[in-house]
Protein backbone atom coordinates (compact mmCIF):
# COMPACT_ATOMS: atom_id res chain seq x y z
CA MET A 1 -13.44 -24.74 -6.16
CA ILE A 2 -16.12 -22.88 -8.14
CA GLY A 3 -14.22 -19.65 -8.73
CA LEU A 4 -10.47 -19.19 -8.70
CA LEU A 5 -8.15 -16.35 -9.70
CA THR A 6 -4.48 -17.29 -10.04
CA SER A 7 -1.20 -15.64 -11.06
CA THR A 8 2.05 -17.50 -11.82
CA GLY A 9 0.76 -20.55 -10.01
CA THR A 10 -0.39 -18.66 -6.88
CA SER A 11 -4.05 -18.74 -5.84
CA LEU A 12 -5.04 -15.10 -5.35
CA LEU A 13 -8.78 -15.36 -4.73
CA GLY A 14 -11.13 -18.30 -4.63
CA ILE A 15 -14.58 -19.43 -3.56
CA ASN A 16 -15.46 -23.01 -2.71
CA ARG A 17 -19.09 -23.96 -2.00
CA VAL A 18 -18.13 -26.92 0.14
CA GLN A 19 -20.16 -30.11 -0.19
CA GLU A 20 -18.17 -32.18 2.30
CA ASN A 21 -16.45 -30.81 5.39
CA ILE A 22 -12.89 -30.33 4.10
CA LEU A 23 -12.07 -28.84 7.51
CA ALA A 24 -12.91 -32.04 9.40
CA LYS A 25 -9.17 -32.59 9.96
CA PRO A 26 -6.53 -29.97 10.89
CA ILE A 27 -5.41 -28.03 7.84
CA GLN A 28 -3.32 -24.98 6.98
CA PHE A 29 -3.99 -22.59 4.10
CA THR A 30 -1.41 -20.20 2.67
CA GLU A 31 -4.20 -17.66 2.11
CA TYR A 32 -6.47 -15.71 4.43
CA ALA A 33 -9.68 -17.68 4.89
CA VAL A 34 -13.26 -16.65 5.65
CA ILE A 35 -15.65 -19.51 6.32
CA PHE A 36 -19.23 -18.43 5.64
CA VAL A 37 -21.38 -20.88 7.62
CA SER A 38 -25.01 -20.86 6.55
CA GLU A 39 -26.25 -23.52 8.97
CA GLY A 40 -25.09 -26.17 11.40
CA GLU A 41 -23.39 -26.29 14.77
CA GLY A 42 -19.92 -27.22 15.91
CA THR A 43 -16.59 -26.06 17.33
CA PHE A 44 -14.03 -24.08 15.36
CA TYR A 45 -10.46 -24.88 16.38
CA SER A 46 -7.89 -22.22 15.52
CA ASP A 47 -4.31 -22.81 16.69
CA PHE A 48 -4.62 -22.85 20.49
CA GLY A 49 -8.28 -21.83 20.80
CA SER A 50 -11.61 -23.64 20.52
CA PHE A 51 -14.77 -21.68 19.70
CA PRO A 52 -18.29 -23.20 19.76
CA PHE A 53 -20.57 -21.74 17.07
CA GLN A 54 -24.00 -22.09 15.54
CA GLY A 55 -24.78 -20.87 12.02
CA PRO A 56 -25.11 -18.46 10.45
CA VAL A 57 -21.64 -17.17 11.31
CA LEU A 58 -18.41 -16.01 9.68
CA LEU A 59 -15.17 -17.68 10.82
CA PHE A 60 -11.77 -16.13 10.11
CA ALA A 61 -8.27 -17.60 9.77
CA THR A 62 -4.87 -16.16 8.86
CA PRO A 63 -2.31 -17.83 6.57
CA LEU A 64 -0.87 -21.08 7.93
CA GLN A 65 -3.02 -21.12 11.04
CA MET A 66 -3.89 -24.69 11.99
CA ILE A 67 -7.69 -24.84 11.80
CA TYR A 68 -10.48 -27.41 11.72
CA ILE A 69 -14.19 -27.78 12.43
CA GLN A 70 -15.67 -30.46 14.67
CA GLU A 71 -19.32 -30.82 13.76
CA LYS A 72 -22.13 -31.21 16.28
CA SER A 73 -24.72 -31.07 13.52
CA LYS A 74 -24.12 -30.92 9.76
CA VAL A 75 -22.31 -27.68 8.90
CA GLN A 76 -22.96 -26.08 5.50
CA TYR A 77 -20.40 -23.46 4.50
CA THR A 78 -18.69 -21.57 1.70
CA LEU A 79 -14.95 -20.99 1.84
CA LEU A 80 -13.65 -17.61 0.66
CA GLN A 81 -9.85 -17.33 0.41
CA PHE A 82 -7.57 -14.51 -0.68
CA HIS A 83 -3.81 -14.13 -0.83
CA GLY A 84 -1.99 -11.20 0.76
CA ASP A 85 -0.50 -10.39 -2.65
CA PHE A 86 -4.02 -9.85 -4.02
CA TYR A 87 -5.38 -7.82 -1.12
CA CYS A 88 -3.07 -6.60 1.66
CA ILE A 89 -5.13 -6.06 4.81
CA GLU A 90 -2.32 -4.09 6.43
CA TYR A 91 -2.04 -1.71 3.47
CA HIS A 92 -5.83 -1.22 3.39
CA ARG A 93 -6.25 -1.07 7.17
CA GLU A 94 -7.95 2.35 7.12
CA GLU A 95 -10.58 1.26 4.60
CA VAL A 96 -11.50 -2.11 6.09
CA ALA A 97 -10.13 -2.01 9.68
CA CYS A 98 -10.03 -5.80 9.72
CA ASN A 99 -6.43 -6.42 10.80
CA GLY A 100 -6.50 -6.85 14.56
CA LEU A 101 -10.26 -7.20 14.54
CA LEU A 102 -11.08 -10.08 12.19
CA PHE A 103 -7.52 -11.36 11.80
CA ASN A 104 -4.44 -11.37 14.04
CA ASN A 105 -6.13 -10.87 17.40
CA ILE A 106 -5.40 -13.43 20.11
CA TYR A 107 -7.85 -12.00 22.66
CA ILE A 108 -11.22 -12.11 20.89
CA SER A 109 -13.10 -14.89 19.14
CA PRO A 110 -12.34 -15.29 15.41
CA PHE A 111 -15.99 -15.40 14.35
CA ILE A 112 -19.05 -13.21 13.92
CA LYS A 113 -22.65 -14.18 14.61
CA LEU A 114 -24.93 -13.08 11.79
CA THR A 115 -28.48 -11.78 11.88
CA ALA A 116 -30.84 -12.68 9.04
CA ALA A 117 -30.11 -9.29 7.44
CA ASP A 118 -26.34 -9.79 7.81
CA TYR A 119 -26.56 -13.24 6.27
CA SER A 120 -28.48 -11.91 3.28
CA SER A 121 -25.89 -9.14 2.69
CA PHE A 122 -22.89 -11.46 2.87
CA ASN A 123 -24.60 -14.10 0.75
CA MET A 124 -25.19 -11.49 -1.96
CA LEU A 125 -21.52 -10.43 -1.87
CA ILE A 126 -20.39 -14.06 -2.13
CA ASP A 127 -22.65 -14.48 -5.18
CA GLN A 128 -21.21 -11.34 -6.79
CA ILE A 129 -17.62 -12.46 -6.23
CA GLU A 130 -18.43 -15.89 -7.62
CA GLN A 131 -20.12 -14.45 -10.70
CA GLU A 132 -17.13 -12.22 -11.44
CA LEU A 133 -14.69 -15.11 -10.97
CA CYS A 134 -16.64 -17.16 -13.47
CA VAL A 135 -16.47 -14.68 -16.37
CA SER A 136 -13.87 -15.28 -19.07
CA VAL A 137 -11.64 -12.41 -17.94
CA PRO A 138 -12.32 -11.50 -14.27
CA SER A 139 -11.62 -7.90 -13.30
CA ASP A 140 -9.11 -7.43 -10.46
CA ILE A 141 -10.60 -4.02 -9.69
CA VAL A 142 -14.13 -5.39 -9.37
CA LEU A 143 -13.02 -8.36 -7.29
CA LYS A 144 -10.94 -6.23 -4.93
CA SER A 145 -13.88 -3.86 -4.51
CA TYR A 146 -16.21 -6.73 -3.60
CA LEU A 147 -13.63 -8.20 -1.21
CA GLN A 148 -12.98 -4.83 0.41
CA LEU A 149 -16.72 -4.35 0.92
CA PHE A 150 -17.01 -7.86 2.38
CA LEU A 151 -14.21 -7.22 4.89
CA ALA A 152 -15.39 -3.70 5.75
CA LYS A 153 -18.92 -5.02 6.37
CA SER A 154 -17.46 -7.84 8.50
CA SER A 155 -15.52 -5.32 10.60
CA GLN A 156 -18.66 -3.25 11.06
CA VAL A 157 -20.65 -6.26 12.27
CA LYS A 158 -17.79 -7.38 14.55
CA ARG A 159 -17.60 -3.96 16.20
CA ARG A 160 -21.37 -4.04 16.74
CA GLU A 161 -21.05 -7.50 18.27
CA LEU A 162 -18.28 -6.36 20.63
CA VAL A 163 -20.30 -3.36 21.79
CA GLU A 164 -23.43 -5.44 22.38
CA GLY A 165 -21.41 -8.17 24.09
CA SER A 166 -19.76 -5.72 26.49
CA VAL A 167 -23.20 -4.83 27.85
CA HIS A 168 -23.81 -8.43 28.92
CA THR A 169 -20.25 -9.43 29.90
CA ILE A 170 -18.72 -8.67 33.27
CA ARG A 171 -15.44 -6.87 32.65
CA ASP A 172 -12.49 -8.27 34.59
CA GLU A 173 -10.22 -5.29 35.12
CA GLN A 174 -7.26 -7.39 36.23
CA MET A 175 -7.46 -9.54 33.10
CA GLU A 176 -7.67 -6.39 30.99
CA LEU A 177 -4.57 -5.21 32.84
CA PHE A 178 -2.88 -8.53 32.06
CA LYS A 179 -3.64 -8.00 28.36
CA GLN A 180 -2.03 -4.58 28.54
CA MET A 181 0.98 -6.00 30.40
CA LEU A 182 1.37 -8.78 27.85
CA GLU A 183 1.32 -6.32 24.95
CA GLU A 184 4.04 -4.28 26.66
CA ASN A 185 6.23 -7.11 27.94
CA PHE A 186 5.80 -10.23 25.78
CA LEU A 187 9.35 -9.87 24.44
CA THR A 188 10.89 -10.14 27.90
CA LEU A 189 8.34 -11.78 30.25
CA ARG A 190 7.44 -15.27 29.02
CA LYS A 191 6.24 -17.13 32.12
CA PRO A 192 2.73 -16.99 33.58
CA ASN A 193 4.18 -16.52 37.06
CA ASP A 194 5.83 -13.29 35.89
CA TYR A 195 2.42 -11.78 35.19
CA ALA A 196 0.79 -13.33 38.27
CA THR A 197 3.44 -11.59 40.37
CA LEU A 198 2.87 -8.25 38.65
CA LEU A 199 -0.86 -8.64 39.29
CA SER A 200 -0.26 -9.67 42.92
CA MET A 201 -2.36 -12.75 42.24
CA PRO A 202 -1.79 -16.42 43.19
CA PRO A 203 -0.70 -18.36 40.06
CA ASN A 204 -3.64 -20.80 40.21
CA THR A 205 -6.17 -17.98 40.58
CA PHE A 206 -4.54 -16.11 37.71
CA THR A 207 -4.75 -19.16 35.43
CA LYS A 208 -8.41 -19.81 36.27
CA ARG A 209 -9.50 -16.22 35.74
CA CYS A 210 -7.53 -15.87 32.52
CA THR A 211 -8.94 -19.10 31.10
CA LYS A 212 -12.48 -18.06 32.00
CA TYR A 213 -12.12 -14.54 30.59
CA PHE A 214 -10.13 -15.20 27.39
CA ARG A 215 -10.93 -18.90 26.92
CA LYS A 216 -7.17 -19.48 26.83
CA THR A 217 -4.57 -20.14 29.50
CA PRO A 218 -1.87 -17.54 30.25
CA SER A 219 0.72 -19.84 28.66
CA GLN A 220 -1.34 -20.04 25.47
CA LEU A 221 -1.71 -16.26 25.25
CA ILE A 222 1.99 -15.64 25.92
CA ILE A 223 3.22 -17.99 23.20
CA GLU A 224 0.47 -16.90 20.77
CA ARG A 225 1.50 -13.27 21.20
CA LEU A 226 5.12 -14.12 20.55
CA ILE A 227 4.33 -16.24 17.48
CA LEU A 228 1.98 -13.54 16.16
CA GLU A 229 4.80 -11.01 16.36
CA ALA A 230 7.15 -13.42 14.61
CA LYS A 231 4.62 -13.87 11.79
CA LYS A 232 4.25 -10.11 11.44
CA GLN A 233 8.00 -9.62 11.24
CA LEU A 234 8.32 -12.37 8.64
CA HIS A 235 5.47 -11.08 6.49
CA LEU A 236 5.65 -7.31 6.96
CA THR A 237 9.43 -6.72 6.96
CA ARG A 238 12.49 -7.75 4.99
CA LYS A 239 14.52 -8.46 8.11
CA SER A 240 16.61 -11.61 8.00
CA ILE A 241 15.63 -14.58 10.16
CA LYS A 242 18.65 -13.79 12.34
CA GLU A 243 17.53 -10.17 12.78
CA ILE A 244 13.99 -11.25 13.68
CA ALA A 245 15.29 -13.76 16.22
CA TYR A 246 17.37 -10.97 17.80
CA THR A 247 14.38 -8.58 17.81
CA LEU A 248 12.27 -11.22 19.59
CA ASN A 249 14.99 -11.86 22.21
CA PHE A 250 15.82 -15.44 21.23
CA GLU A 251 19.26 -16.83 21.99
CA ASP A 252 19.93 -17.40 18.29
CA GLU A 253 18.11 -17.96 15.01
CA PHE A 254 18.25 -21.74 15.39
CA TYR A 255 16.40 -21.74 18.72
CA PHE A 256 13.89 -19.26 17.25
CA SER A 257 13.34 -21.57 14.29
CA ARG A 258 12.74 -24.58 16.56
CA VAL A 259 10.18 -22.71 18.67
CA PHE A 260 8.42 -21.23 15.64
CA LYS A 261 8.16 -24.60 13.90
CA LYS A 262 6.89 -26.28 17.08
CA TYR A 263 3.86 -24.00 17.18
CA THR A 264 3.21 -23.47 13.46
CA ASN A 265 4.49 -26.67 11.81
CA GLU A 266 6.52 -24.43 9.50
CA SER A 267 10.04 -23.06 9.71
CA PRO A 268 10.32 -19.24 9.64
CA GLN A 269 11.76 -19.37 6.12
CA SER A 270 9.02 -21.72 4.92
CA PHE A 271 6.36 -19.44 6.42
CA ARG A 272 7.89 -16.45 4.63
CA ASP A 273 8.17 -18.35 1.34
CA LYS A 274 4.53 -19.46 1.46
CA THR A 275 2.93 -16.20 2.61
CA GLY A 276 5.29 -13.89 0.78
CA ILE A 277 6.57 -10.50 1.93
CA SER A 278 3.91 -7.79 2.04
CA ILE A 279 4.15 -4.59 -0.01
CA VAL A 280 4.07 -2.86 3.38
CA ALA A 281 7.66 -4.04 3.93
CA ASP A 282 8.86 -1.70 1.20
CA LEU A 283 6.67 1.23 2.21
CA HIS A 284 8.45 1.59 5.57
CA ARG A 285 12.01 1.13 4.39
């Protein structure tokens, strides 16, 4: 780690110009992670999804996501990490618009392809963050400003990518309808056949079209949406584990804990302890 800002033992912001692929095996970070790939080719695995990439790209991961990179050719990258206590993406959503675009979106790929101009801009920001981290007394204000600019620029490039991609991608209206249905019903409808029935589509056809369109099976999307909501409740509210289990329509908190741990390798309480409770939790009380 070249630059690191800590507080009471917690890593708040850090940059690591990786020499060896520390993501060669599945790993979880307690911080948000941005992987700035300068060159190389491989597949980025993030929880349930697999995403082929070729540098230069930016890859994004949320706290305690299980991620790793399988190299096809040598991947050179810099790892930028920040803790939610240092920069709350939910609190700053209007400035950076990254929550639901770069992070916490189960429907779109968690990476951005970079043009030569994009790469130059992000490389300069990485250098500036690193330089500030290396001074004797780093400024929180300066570092947060650089990070905010980095995330805002990333959101801008991602939106551009989505607009350009929509021109070349055939829109599947029924799969878009499934996404809408899932957002509205994930708390009560948890079987692929439930959605296939609503769409008046044979289950096998539904699975094939969903997998082709979202690069994930219906079952993957359903459980990912449920786990994403659980993570939000744990991080963004002060509800008890029992209250969250009730909100998510689980039989009891123990069954909720078993399901959550199965898909995250962490218990709900452990997840909350490691990620902390966002300042947003107190703003809406």
